[in-house]
Amino acid sequence: MLRKGIGNAVKPQAQDIGVITPYKAQAIRLSVCTVHGCQGQEKPIVVGSLVCSNADTTIVANPQLLNVLISRAKSLLILIGNPYTLAKNQGFRCIIEQCKLSGNLLGVRNFRMKSYTA
């Protein structure tokens, strides 16, 4: 994003981008903010790391944390995670379906929502 921009010749600055994860160990390892730690803060661009292998963990099971995460971005929200795992949650199913419909579900071929619901 910093080198290539994000479209329409917009090149964000590093301070415009926030990286958030719901997982404390990831936050420490990546030197980023946890969802709890960024409450009340906003950035033009937010990258949310939702990389997990268990659909019953932290943000997936907690709608309040999901709300905090998705409401931190002023202009652009990028979510990184496994849609097969995340689609087990109703909130994420809606987000994934909207991304798929708008052509913004990247890195996944032939994803079928009905196959991955709980």
PDB file of N, CA and C in Angstrom:
ATOM      1  N   MET A   1       0.815  -1.182   0.000  1.00  0.00           N
ATOM      2  CA  MET A   1       0.000   0.000   0.000  1.00  0.00           C
ATOM      3  C   MET A   1       0.863   1.253   0.000  1.00  0.00           C
ATOM      4  N   LEU A   2       1.939   1.222   0.764  1.00  0.00           N
ATOM      5  CA  LEU A   2       2.782   2.405   0.851  1.00  0.00           C
ATOM      6  C   LEU A   2       3.511   2.659  -0.470  1.00  0.00           C
ATOM      7  N   ARG A   3       3.959   1.588  -1.141  1.00  0.00           N
ATOM      8  CA  ARG A   3       4.685   1.749  -2.408  1.00  0.00           C
ATOM      9  C   ARG A   3       3.761   1.933  -3.599  1.00  0.00           C
ATOM     10  N   LYS A   4       2.732   1.093  -3.693  1.00  0.00           N
ATOM     11  CA  LYS A   4       1.886   1.070  -4.884  1.00  0.00           C
ATOM     12  C   LYS A   4       0.618   1.905  -4.760  1.00  0.00           C
ATOM     13  N   GLY A   5       0.245   2.264  -3.569  1.00  0.00           N
ATOM     14  CA  GLY A   5      -0.978   3.019  -3.381  1.00  0.00           C
ATOM     15  C   GLY A   5      -2.193   2.109  -3.316  1.00  0.00           C
ATOM     16  N   ILE A   6      -3.373   2.730  -3.206  1.00  0.00           N
ATOM     17  CA  ILE A   6      -4.601   1.940  -3.055  1.00  0.00           C
ATOM     18  C   ILE A   6      -5.637   2.262  -4.123  1.00  0.00           C
ATOM     19  N   GLY A   7      -5.225   2.894  -5.184  1.00  0.00           N
ATOM     20  CA  GLY A   7      -6.155   3.250  -6.253  1.00  0.00           C
ATOM     21  C   GLY A   7      -6.357   4.743  -6.322  1.00  0.00           C
ATOM     22  N   ASN A   8      -6.734   5.202  -7.496  1.00  0.00           N
ATOM     23  CA  ASN A   8      -6.941   6.636  -7.731  1.00  0.00           C
ATOM     24  C   ASN A   8      -5.733   7.469  -7.320  1.00  0.00           C
ATOM     25  N   ALA A   9      -4.554   6.897  -7.486  1.00  0.00           N
ATOM     26  CA  ALA A   9      -3.283   7.575  -7.180  1.00  0.00           C
ATOM     27  C   ALA A   9      -3.164   7.979  -5.711  1.00  0.00           C
ATOM     28  N   VAL A  10      -3.884   7.303  -4.824  1.00  0.00           N
ATOM     29  CA  VAL A  10      -3.809   7.587  -3.387  1.00  0.00           C
ATOM     30  C   VAL A  10      -2.711   6.726  -2.778  1.00  0.00           C
ATOM     31  N   LYS A  11      -1.726   7.364  -2.171  1.00  0.00           N
ATOM     32  CA  LYS A  11      -0.648   6.661  -1.489  1.00  0.00           C
ATOM     33  C   LYS A  11      -0.689   7.039  -0.009  1.00  0.00           C
ATOM     34  N   PRO A  12      -1.163   6.111   0.815  1.00  0.00           N
ATOM     35  CA  PRO A  12      -1.251   6.426   2.247  1.00  0.00           C
ATOM     36  C   PRO A  12       0.136   6.518   2.886  1.00  0.00           C
ATOM     37  N   GLN A  13       0.195   7.220   3.980  1.00  0.00           N
ATOM     38  CA  GLN A  13       1.400   7.290   4.794  1.00  0.00           C
ATOM     39  C   GLN A  13       1.306   6.200   5.864  1.00  0.00           C
ATOM     40  N   ALA A  14       2.430   5.809   6.421  1.00  0.00           N
ATOM     41  CA  ALA A  14       2.456   4.752   7.435  1.00  0.00           C
ATOM     42  C   ALA A  14       1.531   5.070   8.612  1.00  0.00           C
ATOM     43  N   GLN A  15       1.461   6.324   9.015  1.00  0.00           N
ATOM     44  CA  GLN A  15       0.625   6.693  10.156  1.00  0.00           C
ATOM     45  C   GLN A  15      -0.867   6.607   9.847  1.00  0.00           C
ATOM     46  N   ASP A  16      -1.233   6.435   8.580  1.00  0.00           N
ATOM     47  CA  ASP A  16      -2.633   6.287   8.184  1.00  0.00           C
ATOM     48  C   ASP A  16      -3.146   4.856   8.336  1.00  0.00           C
ATOM     49  N   ILE A  17      -2.226   3.933   8.597  1.00  0.00           N
ATOM     50  CA  ILE A  17      -2.576   2.509   8.603  1.00  0.00           C
ATOM     51  C   ILE A  17      -2.451   1.948  10.016  1.00  0.00           C
ATOM     52  N   GLY A  18      -3.513   1.288  10.469  1.00  0.00           N
ATOM     53  CA  GLY A  18      -3.489   0.596  11.752  1.00  0.00           C
ATOM     54  C   GLY A  18      -3.642  -0.896  11.526  1.00  0.00           C
ATOM     55  N   VAL A  19      -2.919  -1.682  12.270  1.00  0.00           N
ATOM     56  CA  VAL A  19      -3.024  -3.135  12.191  1.00  0.00           C
ATOM     57  C   VAL A  19      -3.521  -3.627  13.539  1.00  0.00           C
ATOM     58  N   ILE A  20      -4.597  -4.400  13.489  1.00  0.00           N
ATOM     59  CA  ILE A  20      -5.275  -4.839  14.711  1.00  0.00           C
ATOM     60  C   ILE A  20      -5.463  -6.351  14.677  1.00  0.00           C
ATOM     61  N   THR A  21      -5.317  -6.968  15.834  1.00  0.00           N
ATOM     62  CA  THR A  21      -5.615  -8.386  15.988  1.00  0.00           C
ATOM     63  C   THR A  21      -6.339  -8.597  17.317  1.00  0.00           C
ATOM     64  N   PRO A  22      -7.229  -9.558  17.376  1.00  0.00           N
ATOM     65  CA  PRO A  22      -7.878  -9.843  18.652  1.00  0.00           C
ATOM     66  C   PRO A  22      -7.013 -10.715  19.560  1.00  0.00           C
ATOM     67  N   TYR A  23      -5.919 -11.225  19.035  1.00  0.00           N
ATOM     68  CA  TYR A  23      -5.109 -12.202  19.753  1.00  0.00           C
ATOM     69  C   TYR A  23      -3.871 -11.549  20.367  1.00  0.00           C
ATOM     70  N   LYS A  24      -3.764 -11.634  21.683  1.00  0.00           N
ATOM     71  CA  LYS A  24      -2.673 -10.987  22.411  1.00  0.00           C
ATOM     72  C   LYS A  24      -1.296 -11.461  21.928  1.00  0.00           C
ATOM     73  N   ALA A  25      -1.141 -12.762  21.728  1.00  0.00           N
ATOM     74  CA  ALA A  25       0.150 -13.297  21.289  1.00  0.00           C
ATOM     75  C   ALA A  25       0.535 -12.751  19.911  1.00  0.00           C
ATOM     76  N   GLN A  26      -0.449 -12.642  19.004  1.00  0.00           N
ATOM     77  CA  GLN A  26      -0.169 -12.065  17.689  1.00  0.00           C
ATOM     78  C   GLN A  26       0.232 -10.606  17.814  1.00  0.00           C
ATOM     79  N   ALA A  27      -0.451  -9.870  18.662  1.00  0.00           N
ATOM     80  CA  ALA A  27      -0.151  -8.448  18.838  1.00  0.00           C
ATOM     81  C   ALA A  27       1.279  -8.255  19.326  1.00  0.00           C
ATOM     82  N   ILE A  28       1.699  -9.086  20.260  1.00  0.00           N
ATOM     83  CA  ILE A  28       3.062  -9.000  20.787  1.00  0.00           C
ATOM     84  C   ILE A  28       4.067  -9.370  19.702  1.00  0.00           C
ATOM     85  N   ARG A  29       3.812 -10.459  19.022  1.00  0.00           N
ATOM     86  CA  ARG A  29       4.740 -10.952  17.992  1.00  0.00           C
ATOM     87  C   ARG A  29       4.872  -9.974  16.822  1.00  0.00           C
ATOM     88  N   LEU A  30       3.753  -9.371  16.424  1.00  0.00           N
ATOM     89  CA  LEU A  30       3.757  -8.473  15.271  1.00  0.00           C
ATOM     90  C   LEU A  30       3.921  -7.003  15.653  1.00  0.00           C
ATOM     91  N   SER A  31       3.980  -6.711  16.943  1.00  0.00           N
ATOM     92  CA  SER A  31       4.051  -5.337  17.446  1.00  0.00           C
ATOM     93  C   SER A  31       2.914  -4.478  16.893  1.00  0.00           C
ATOM     94  N   VAL A  32       1.699  -4.980  17.066  1.00  0.00           N
ATOM     95  CA  VAL A  32       0.507  -4.253  16.624  1.00  0.00           C
ATOM     96  C   VAL A  32      -0.457  -4.130  17.796  1.00  0.00           C
ATOM     97  N   CYS A  33      -1.589  -3.531  17.537  1.00  0.00           N
ATOM     98  CA  CYS A  33      -2.585  -3.265  18.569  1.00  0.00           C
ATOM     99  C   CYS A  33      -3.586  -4.415  18.685  1.00  0.00           C
ATOM    100  N   THR A  34      -4.033  -4.672  19.904  1.00  0.00           N
ATOM    101  CA  THR A  34      -5.147  -5.607  20.071  1.00  0.00           C
ATOM    102  C   THR A  34      -6.451  -4.834  19.899  1.00  0.00           C
ATOM    103  N   VAL A  35      -7.535  -5.551  19.674  1.00  0.00           N
ATOM    104  CA  VAL A  35      -8.836  -4.907  19.531  1.00  0.00           C
ATOM    105  C   VAL A  35      -9.164  -4.120  20.789  1.00  0.00           C
ATOM    106  N   HIS A  36      -8.901  -4.701  21.953  1.00  0.00           N
ATOM    107  CA  HIS A  36      -9.172  -3.997  23.217  1.00  0.00           C
ATOM    108  C   HIS A  36      -8.334  -2.736  23.332  1.00  0.00           C
ATOM    109  N   GLY A  37      -7.096  -2.806  22.868  1.00  0.00           N
ATOM    110  CA  GLY A  37      -6.187  -1.670  22.992  1.00  0.00           C
ATOM    111  C   GLY A  37      -6.481  -0.522  22.055  1.00  0.00           C
ATOM    112  N   CYS A  38      -7.273  -0.747  21.028  1.00  0.00           N
ATOM    113  CA  CYS A  38      -7.530   0.321  20.055  1.00  0.00           C
ATOM    114  C   CYS A  38      -8.926   0.908  20.177  1.00  0.00           C
ATOM    115  N   GLN A  39      -9.672   0.534  21.182  1.00  0.00           N
ATOM    116  CA  GLN A  39     -11.006   1.106  21.349  1.00  0.00           C
ATOM    117  C   GLN A  39     -10.907   2.616  21.476  1.00  0.00           C
ATOM    118  N   GLY A  40     -11.740   3.311  20.724  1.00  0.00           N
ATOM    119  CA  GLY A  40     -11.733   4.757  20.734  1.00  0.00           C
ATOM    120  C   GLY A  40     -10.758   5.370  19.751  1.00  0.00           C
ATOM    121  N   GLN A  41      -9.952   4.567  19.086  1.00  0.00           N
ATOM    122  CA  GLN A  41      -8.998   5.069  18.109  1.00  0.00           C
ATOM    123  C   GLN A  41      -9.466   4.695  16.706  1.00  0.00           C
ATOM    124  N   GLU A  42      -9.239   5.576  15.759  1.00  0.00           N
ATOM    125  CA  GLU A  42      -9.579   5.310  14.372  1.00  0.00           C
ATOM    126  C   GLU A  42      -8.388   5.635  13.490  1.00  0.00           C
ATOM    127  N   LYS A  43      -8.328   4.976  12.338  1.00  0.00           N
ATOM    128  CA  LYS A  43      -7.318   5.231  11.328  1.00  0.00           C
ATOM    129  C   LYS A  43      -8.020   5.236   9.976  1.00  0.00           C
ATOM    130  N   PRO A  44      -7.473   5.954   9.001  1.00  0.00           N
ATOM    131  CA  PRO A  44      -8.070   5.899   7.673  1.00  0.00           C
ATOM    132  C   PRO A  44      -8.111   4.472   7.114  1.00  0.00           C
ATOM    133  N   ILE A  45      -7.056   3.705   7.362  1.00  0.00           N
ATOM    134  CA  ILE A  45      -6.968   2.331   6.863  1.00  0.00           C
ATOM    135  C   ILE A  45      -6.688   1.410   8.037  1.00  0.00           C
ATOM    136  N   VAL A  46      -7.460   0.342   8.134  1.00  0.00           N
ATOM    137  CA  VAL A  46      -7.238  -0.657   9.176  1.00  0.00           C
ATOM    138  C   VAL A  46      -7.113  -2.030   8.535  1.00  0.00           C
ATOM    139  N   VAL A  47      -6.065  -2.745   8.925  1.00  0.00           N
ATOM    140  CA  VAL A  47      -5.867  -4.130   8.526  1.00  0.00           C
ATOM    141  C   VAL A  47      -6.147  -4.973   9.760  1.00  0.00           C
ATOM    142  N   GLY A  48      -7.129  -5.861   9.661  1.00  0.00           N
ATOM    143  CA  GLY A  48      -7.488  -6.729  10.770  1.00  0.00           C
ATOM    144  C   GLY A  48      -6.972  -8.134  10.537  1.00  0.00           C
ATOM    145  N   SER A  49      -6.107  -8.599  11.411  1.00  0.00           N
ATOM    146  CA  SER A  49      -5.591  -9.962  11.323  1.00  0.00           C
ATOM    147  C   SER A  49      -6.515 -10.879  12.105  1.00  0.00           C
ATOM    148  N   LEU A  50      -7.235 -11.705  11.368  1.00  0.00           N
ATOM    149  CA  LEU A  50      -8.170 -12.647  11.983  1.00  0.00           C
ATOM    150  C   LEU A  50      -7.714 -14.071  11.765  1.00  0.00           C
ATOM    151  N   VAL A  51      -6.427 -14.254  11.643  1.00  0.00           N
ATOM    152  CA  VAL A  51      -5.866 -15.564  11.377  1.00  0.00           C
ATOM    153  C   VAL A  51      -6.013 -16.420  12.624  1.00  0.00           C
ATOM    154  N   CYS A  52      -6.862 -17.436  12.522  1.00  0.00           N
ATOM    155  CA  CYS A  52      -7.097 -18.348  13.629  1.00  0.00           C
ATOM    156  C   CYS A  52      -7.498 -19.698  13.051  1.00  0.00           C
ATOM    157  N   SER A  53      -7.429 -20.709  13.866  1.00  0.00           N
ATOM    158  CA  SER A  53      -7.815 -22.030  13.386  1.00  0.00           C
ATOM    159  C   SER A  53      -9.032 -22.568  14.127  1.00  0.00           C
ATOM    160  N   ASN A  54      -9.584 -21.758  15.024  1.00  0.00           N
ATOM    161  CA  ASN A  54     -10.701 -22.205  15.824  1.00  0.00           C
ATOM    162  C   ASN A  54     -11.810 -21.155  15.778  1.00  0.00           C
ATOM    163  N   ALA A  55     -12.949 -21.511  15.229  1.00  0.00           N
ATOM    164  CA  ALA A  55     -14.053 -20.568  15.057  1.00  0.00           C
ATOM    165  C   ALA A  55     -14.671 -20.122  16.379  1.00  0.00           C
ATOM    166  N   ASP A  56     -14.336 -20.757  17.464  1.00  0.00           N
ATOM    167  CA  ASP A  56     -14.920 -20.398  18.759  1.00  0.00           C
ATOM    168  C   ASP A  56     -14.041 -19.446  19.559  1.00  0.00           C
ATOM    169  N   THR A  57     -12.993 -18.897  18.946  1.00  0.00           N
ATOM    170  CA  THR A  57     -12.079 -18.051  19.698  1.00  0.00           C
ATOM    171  C   THR A  57     -12.469 -16.590  19.623  1.00  0.00           C
ATOM    172  N   THR A  58     -12.002 -15.854  20.572  1.00  0.00           N
ATOM    173  CA  THR A  58     -12.110 -14.419  20.787  1.00  0.00           C
ATOM    174  C   THR A  58     -13.092 -13.667  19.893  1.00  0.00           C
ATOM    175  N   ILE A  59     -12.609 -13.104  18.806  1.00  0.00           N
ATOM    176  CA  ILE A  59     -13.423 -12.181  18.026  1.00  0.00           C
ATOM    177  C   ILE A  59     -14.576 -12.864  17.316  1.00  0.00           C
ATOM    178  N   VAL A  60     -14.379 -14.099  16.915  1.00  0.00           N
ATOM    179  CA  VAL A  60     -15.435 -14.802  16.193  1.00  0.00           C
ATOM    180  C   VAL A  60     -16.622 -15.046  17.109  1.00  0.00           C
ATOM    181  N   ALA A  61     -16.362 -15.293  18.365  1.00  0.00           N
ATOM    182  CA  ALA A  61     -17.436 -15.593  19.317  1.00  0.00           C
ATOM    183  C   ALA A  61     -17.964 -14.351  20.034  1.00  0.00           C
ATOM    184  N   ASN A  62     -17.356 -13.198  19.814  1.00  0.00           N
ATOM    185  CA  ASN A  62     -17.729 -12.004  20.557  1.00  0.00           C
ATOM    186  C   ASN A  62     -18.149 -10.880  19.611  1.00  0.00           C
ATOM    187  N   PRO A  63     -19.458 -10.650  19.444  1.00  0.00           N
ATOM    188  CA  PRO A  63     -19.916  -9.614  18.514  1.00  0.00           C
ATOM    189  C   PRO A  63     -19.451  -8.212  18.873  1.00  0.00           C
ATOM    190  N   GLN A  64     -19.226  -7.933  20.143  1.00  0.00           N
ATOM    191  CA  GLN A  64     -18.747  -6.605  20.529  1.00  0.00           C
ATOM    192  C   GLN A  64     -17.328  -6.362  19.993  1.00  0.00           C
ATOM    193  N   LEU A  65     -16.468  -7.389  20.067  1.00  0.00           N
ATOM    194  CA  LEU A  65     -15.115  -7.242  19.528  1.00  0.00           C
ATOM    195  C   LEU A  65     -15.143  -7.084  18.017  1.00  0.00           C
ATOM    196  N   LEU A  66     -16.019  -7.816  17.352  1.00  0.00           N
ATOM    197  CA  LEU A  66     -16.161  -7.676  15.899  1.00  0.00           C
ATOM    198  C   LEU A  66     -16.571  -6.245  15.569  1.00  0.00           C
ATOM    199  N   ASN A  67     -17.522  -5.698  16.312  1.00  0.00           N
ATOM    200  CA  ASN A  67     -17.970  -4.326  16.084  1.00  0.00           C
ATOM    201  C   ASN A  67     -16.835  -3.327  16.263  1.00  0.00           C
ATOM    202  N   VAL A  68     -16.036  -3.489  17.312  1.00  0.00           N
ATOM    203  CA  VAL A  68     -14.901  -2.591  17.543  1.00  0.00           C
ATOM    204  C   VAL A  68     -13.932  -2.683  16.373  1.00  0.00           C
ATOM    205  N   LEU A  69     -13.616  -3.890  15.948  1.00  0.00           N
ATOM    206  CA  LEU A  69     -12.652  -4.068  14.858  1.00  0.00           C
ATOM    207  C   LEU A  69     -13.127  -3.399  13.574  1.00  0.00           C
ATOM    208  N   ILE A  70     -14.339  -3.680  13.153  1.00  0.00           N
ATOM    209  CA  ILE A  70     -14.782  -3.171  11.859  1.00  0.00           C
ATOM    210  C   ILE A  70     -15.131  -1.686  11.884  1.00  0.00           C
ATOM    211  N   SER A  71     -15.272  -1.105  13.059  1.00  0.00           N
ATOM    212  CA  SER A  71     -15.615   0.313  13.122  1.00  0.00           C
ATOM    213  C   SER A  71     -14.397   1.218  13.328  1.00  0.00           C
ATOM    214  N   ARG A  72     -13.184   0.687  13.323  1.00  0.00           N
ATOM    215  CA  ARG A  72     -11.987   1.503  13.517  1.00  0.00           C
ATOM    216  C   ARG A  72     -11.522   2.165  12.222  1.00  0.00           C
ATOM    217  N   ALA A  73     -11.910   1.631  11.068  1.00  0.00           N
ATOM    218  CA  ALA A  73     -11.454   2.168   9.789  1.00  0.00           C
ATOM    219  C   ALA A  73     -12.336   3.320   9.333  1.00  0.00           C
ATOM    220  N   LYS A  74     -11.711   4.426   8.943  1.00  0.00           N
ATOM    221  CA  LYS A  74     -12.460   5.566   8.425  1.00  0.00           C
ATOM    222  C   LYS A  74     -12.763   5.398   6.935  1.00  0.00           C
ATOM    223  N   SER A  75     -11.838   4.798   6.184  1.00  0.00           N
ATOM    224  CA  SER A  75     -12.001   4.719   4.730  1.00  0.00           C
ATOM    225  C   SER A  75     -11.881   3.313   4.159  1.00  0.00           C
ATOM    226  N   LEU A  76     -10.934   2.527   4.660  1.00  0.00           N
ATOM    227  CA  LEU A  76     -10.664   1.214   4.079  1.00  0.00           C
ATOM    228  C   LEU A  76     -10.418   0.191   5.183  1.00  0.00           C
ATOM    229  N   LEU A  77     -11.132  -0.913   5.116  1.00  0.00           N
ATOM    230  CA  LEU A  77     -10.954  -2.018   6.060  1.00  0.00           C
ATOM    231  C   LEU A  77     -10.513  -3.242   5.282  1.00  0.00           C
ATOM    232  N   ILE A  78      -9.403  -3.813   5.680  1.00  0.00           N
ATOM    233  CA  ILE A  78      -8.888  -5.036   5.063  1.00  0.00           C
ATOM    234  C   ILE A  78      -8.872  -6.103   6.142  1.00  0.00           C
ATOM    235  N   LEU A  79      -9.596  -7.189   5.913  1.00  0.00           N
ATOM    236  CA  LEU A  79      -9.627  -8.295   6.869  1.00  0.00           C
ATOM    237  C   LEU A  79      -8.858  -9.463   6.292  1.00  0.00           C
ATOM    238  N   ILE A  80      -7.954 -10.008   7.089  1.00  0.00           N
ATOM    239  CA  ILE A  80      -7.146 -11.145   6.669  1.00  0.00           C
ATOM    240  C   ILE A  80      -7.492 -12.314   7.578  1.00  0.00           C
ATOM    241  N   GLY A  81      -7.941 -13.402   6.982  1.00  0.00           N
ATOM    242  CA  GLY A  81      -8.319 -14.562   7.767  1.00  0.00           C
ATOM    243  C   GLY A  81      -8.825 -15.674   6.871  1.00  0.00           C
ATOM    244  N   ASN A  82      -9.161 -16.769   7.470  1.00  0.00           N
ATOM    245  CA  ASN A  82      -9.649 -17.935   6.749  1.00  0.00           C
ATOM    246  C   ASN A  82     -11.169 -17.856   6.651  1.00  0.00           C
ATOM    247  N   PRO A  83     -11.709 -17.608   5.455  1.00  0.00           N
ATOM    248  CA  PRO A  83     -13.159 -17.452   5.346  1.00  0.00           C
ATOM    249  C   PRO A  83     -13.922 -18.729   5.679  1.00  0.00           C
ATOM    250  N   TYR A  84     -13.307 -19.877   5.532  1.00  0.00           N
ATOM    251  CA  TYR A  84     -13.963 -21.140   5.862  1.00  0.00           C
ATOM    252  C   TYR A  84     -14.199 -21.239   7.366  1.00  0.00           C
ATOM    253  N   THR A  85     -13.233 -20.779   8.138  1.00  0.00           N
ATOM    254  CA  THR A  85     -13.377 -20.762   9.597  1.00  0.00           C
ATOM    255  C   THR A  85     -14.296 -19.624  10.029  1.00  0.00           C
ATOM    256  N   LEU A  86     -14.079 -18.438   9.495  1.00  0.00           N
ATOM    257  CA  LEU A  86     -14.847 -17.272   9.903  1.00  0.00           C
ATOM    258  C   LEU A  86     -16.320 -17.369   9.522  1.00  0.00           C
ATOM    259  N   ALA A  87     -16.634 -18.063   8.425  1.00  0.00           N
ATOM    260  CA  ALA A  87     -18.026 -18.181   7.963  1.00  0.00           C
ATOM    261  C   ALA A  87     -18.892 -18.996   8.912  1.00  0.00           C
ATOM    262  N   LYS A  88     -18.291 -19.647   9.889  1.00  0.00           N
ATOM    263  CA  LYS A  88     -19.072 -20.372  10.883  1.00  0.00           C
ATOM    264  C   LYS A  88     -19.802 -19.418  11.821  1.00  0.00           C
ATOM    265  N   ASN A  89     -19.421 -18.149  11.775  1.00  0.00           N
ATOM    266  CA  ASN A  89     -20.040 -17.113  12.596  1.00  0.00           C
ATOM    267  C   ASN A  89     -20.973 -16.280  11.723  1.00  0.00           C
ATOM    268  N   GLN A  90     -22.193 -16.029  12.201  1.00  0.00           N
ATOM    269  CA  GLN A  90     -23.192 -15.309  11.410  1.00  0.00           C
ATOM    270  C   GLN A  90     -22.726 -13.916  10.994  1.00  0.00           C
ATOM    271  N   GLY A  91     -22.099 -13.180  11.899  1.00  0.00           N
ATOM    272  CA  GLY A  91     -21.605 -11.838  11.573  1.00  0.00           C
ATOM    273  C   GLY A  91     -20.598 -11.858  10.450  1.00  0.00           C
ATOM    274  N   PHE A  92     -19.680 -12.795  10.529  1.00  0.00           N
ATOM    275  CA  PHE A  92     -18.679 -12.901   9.477  1.00  0.00           C
ATOM    276  C   PHE A  92     -19.269 -13.433   8.176  1.00  0.00           C
ATOM    277  N   ARG A  93     -20.260 -14.298   8.264  1.00  0.00           N
ATOM    278  CA  ARG A  93     -20.908 -14.785   7.033  1.00  0.00           C
ATOM    279  C   ARG A  93     -21.442 -13.619   6.223  1.00  0.00           C
ATOM    280  N   CYS A  94     -22.065 -12.670   6.898  1.00  0.00           N
ATOM    281  CA  CYS A  94     -22.610 -11.490   6.231  1.00  0.00           C
ATOM    282  C   CYS A  94     -21.485 -10.672   5.582  1.00  0.00           C
ATOM    283  N   ILE A  95     -20.415 -10.435   6.310  1.00  0.00           N
ATOM    284  CA  ILE A  95     -19.280  -9.677   5.781  1.00  0.00           C
ATOM    285  C   ILE A  95     -18.672 -10.402   4.588  1.00  0.00           C
ATOM    286  N   ILE A  96     -18.467 -11.697   4.710  1.00  0.00           N
ATOM    287  CA  ILE A  96     -17.854 -12.479   3.630  1.00  0.00           C
ATOM    288  C   ILE A  96     -18.753 -12.486   2.404  1.00  0.00           C
ATOM    289  N   GLU A  97     -20.049 -12.642   2.607  1.00  0.00           N
ATOM    290  CA  GLU A  97     -20.980 -12.649   1.480  1.00  0.00           C
ATOM    291  C   GLU A  97     -20.957 -11.306   0.746  1.00  0.00           C
ATOM    292  N   GLN A  98     -20.930 -10.210   1.485  1.00  0.00           N
ATOM    293  CA  GLN A  98     -20.869  -8.892   0.850  1.00  0.00           C
ATOM    294  C   GLN A  98     -19.560  -8.708   0.084  1.00  0.00           C
ATOM    295  N   CYS A  99     -18.467  -9.177   0.654  1.00  0.00           N
ATOM    296  CA  CYS A  99     -17.178  -9.101  -0.051  1.00  0.00           C
ATOM    297  C   CYS A  99     -17.215  -9.931  -1.327  1.00  0.00           C
ATOM    298  N   LYS A 100     -17.796 -11.113  -1.240  1.00  0.00           N
ATOM    299  CA  LYS A 100     -17.903 -11.974  -2.411  1.00  0.00           C
ATOM    300  C   LYS A 100     -18.763 -11.313  -3.491  1.00  0.00           C
ATOM    301  N   LEU A 101     -19.914 -10.772  -3.108  1.00  0.00           N
ATOM    302  CA  LEU A 101     -20.818 -10.140  -4.067  1.00  0.00           C
ATOM    303  C   LEU A 101     -20.189  -8.927  -4.751  1.00  0.00           C
ATOM    304  N   SER A 102     -19.361  -8.202  -4.025  1.00  0.00           N
ATOM    305  CA  SER A 102     -18.735  -7.007  -4.602  1.00  0.00           C
ATOM    306  C   SER A 102     -17.390  -7.295  -5.269  1.00  0.00           C
ATOM    307  N   GLY A 103     -16.974  -8.567  -5.273  1.00  0.00           N
ATOM    308  CA  GLY A 103     -15.712  -8.931  -5.914  1.00  0.00           C
ATOM    309  C   GLY A 103     -14.485  -8.638  -5.076  1.00  0.00           C
ATOM    310  N   ASN A 104     -14.669  -8.495  -3.774  1.00  0.00           N
ATOM    311  CA  ASN A 104     -13.560  -8.165  -2.882  1.00  0.00           C
ATOM    312  C   ASN A 104     -13.102  -9.317  -1.993  1.00  0.00           C
ATOM    313  N   LEU A 105     -13.563 -10.527  -2.267  1.00  0.00           N
ATOM    314  CA  LEU A 105     -13.102 -11.697  -1.520  1.00  0.00           C
ATOM    315  C   LEU A 105     -11.914 -12.246  -2.295  1.00  0.00           C
ATOM    316  N   LEU A 106     -10.729 -11.959  -1.814  1.00  0.00           N
ATOM    317  CA  LEU A 106      -9.521 -12.283  -2.554  1.00  0.00           C
ATOM    318  C   LEU A 106      -8.822 -13.514  -1.995  1.00  0.00           C
ATOM    319  N   GLY A 107      -8.152 -14.243  -2.866  1.00  0.00           N
ATOM    320  CA  GLY A 107      -7.354 -15.376  -2.454  1.00  0.00           C
ATOM    321  C   GLY A 107      -8.116 -16.662  -2.242  1.00  0.00           C
ATOM    322  N   VAL A 108      -9.406 -16.673  -2.539  1.00  0.00           N
ATOM    323  CA  VAL A 108     -10.219 -17.869  -2.353  1.00  0.00           C
ATOM    324  C   VAL A 108     -10.969 -18.136  -3.656  1.00  0.00           C
ATOM    325  N   ARG A 109     -10.804 -19.322  -4.179  1.00  0.00           N
ATOM    326  CA  ARG A 109     -11.513 -19.683  -5.406  1.00  0.00           C
ATOM    327  C   ARG A 109     -12.697 -20.586  -5.076  1.00  0.00           C
ATOM    328  N   ASN A 110     -13.775 -20.366  -5.765  1.00  0.00           N
ATOM    329  CA  ASN A 110     -14.955 -21.226  -5.655  1.00  0.00           C
ATOM    330  C   ASN A 110     -15.483 -21.350  -4.229  1.00  0.00           C
ATOM    331  N   PHE A 111     -15.410 -20.288  -3.468  1.00  0.00           N
ATOM    332  CA  PHE A 111     -15.930 -20.305  -2.100  1.00  0.00           C
ATOM    333  C   PHE A 111     -17.449 -20.362  -2.159  1.00  0.00           C
ATOM    334  N   ARG A 112     -18.032 -21.337  -1.495  1.00  0.00           N
ATOM    335  CA  ARG A 112     -19.472 -21.485  -1.442  1.00  0.00           C
ATOM    336  C   ARG A 112     -19.915 -21.287   0.003  1.00  0.00           C
ATOM    337  N   MET A 113     -20.645 -20.251   0.243  1.00  0.00           N
ATOM    338  CA  MET A 113     -21.046 -19.893   1.604  1.00  0.00           C
ATOM    339  C   MET A 113     -21.824 -21.005   2.290  1.00  0.00           C
ATOM    340  N   LYS A 114     -22.760 -21.611   1.610  1.00  0.00           N
ATOM    341  CA  LYS A 114     -23.615 -22.615   2.236  1.00  0.00           C
ATOM    342  C   LYS A 114     -22.828 -23.818   2.730  1.00  0.00           C
ATOM    343  N   SER A 115     -21.713 -24.104   2.116  1.00  0.00           N
ATOM    344  CA  SER A 115     -20.911 -25.264   2.510  1.00  0.00           C
ATOM    345  C   SER A 115     -20.194 -25.071   3.841  1.00  0.00           C
ATOM    346  N   TYR A 116     -20.089 -23.812   4.302  1.00  0.00           N
ATOM    347  CA  TYR A 116     -19.257 -23.551   5.466  1.00  0.00           C
ATOM    348  C   TYR A 116     -20.010 -22.957   6.641  1.00  0.00           C
ATOM    349  N   THR A 117     -21.318 -22.958   6.596  1.00  0.00           N
ATOM    350  CA  THR A 117     -22.074 -22.430   7.717  1.00  0.00           C
ATOM    351  C   THR A 117     -22.194 -23.495   8.806  1.00  0.00           C
ATOM    352  N   ALA A 118     -22.357 -23.026  10.015  1.00  0.00           N
ATOM    353  CA  ALA A 118     -22.431 -23.956  11.162  1.00  0.00           C
ATOM    354  C   ALA A 118     -23.755 -24.646  11.212  1.00  0.00           C
TER     355      ALA A 118
END
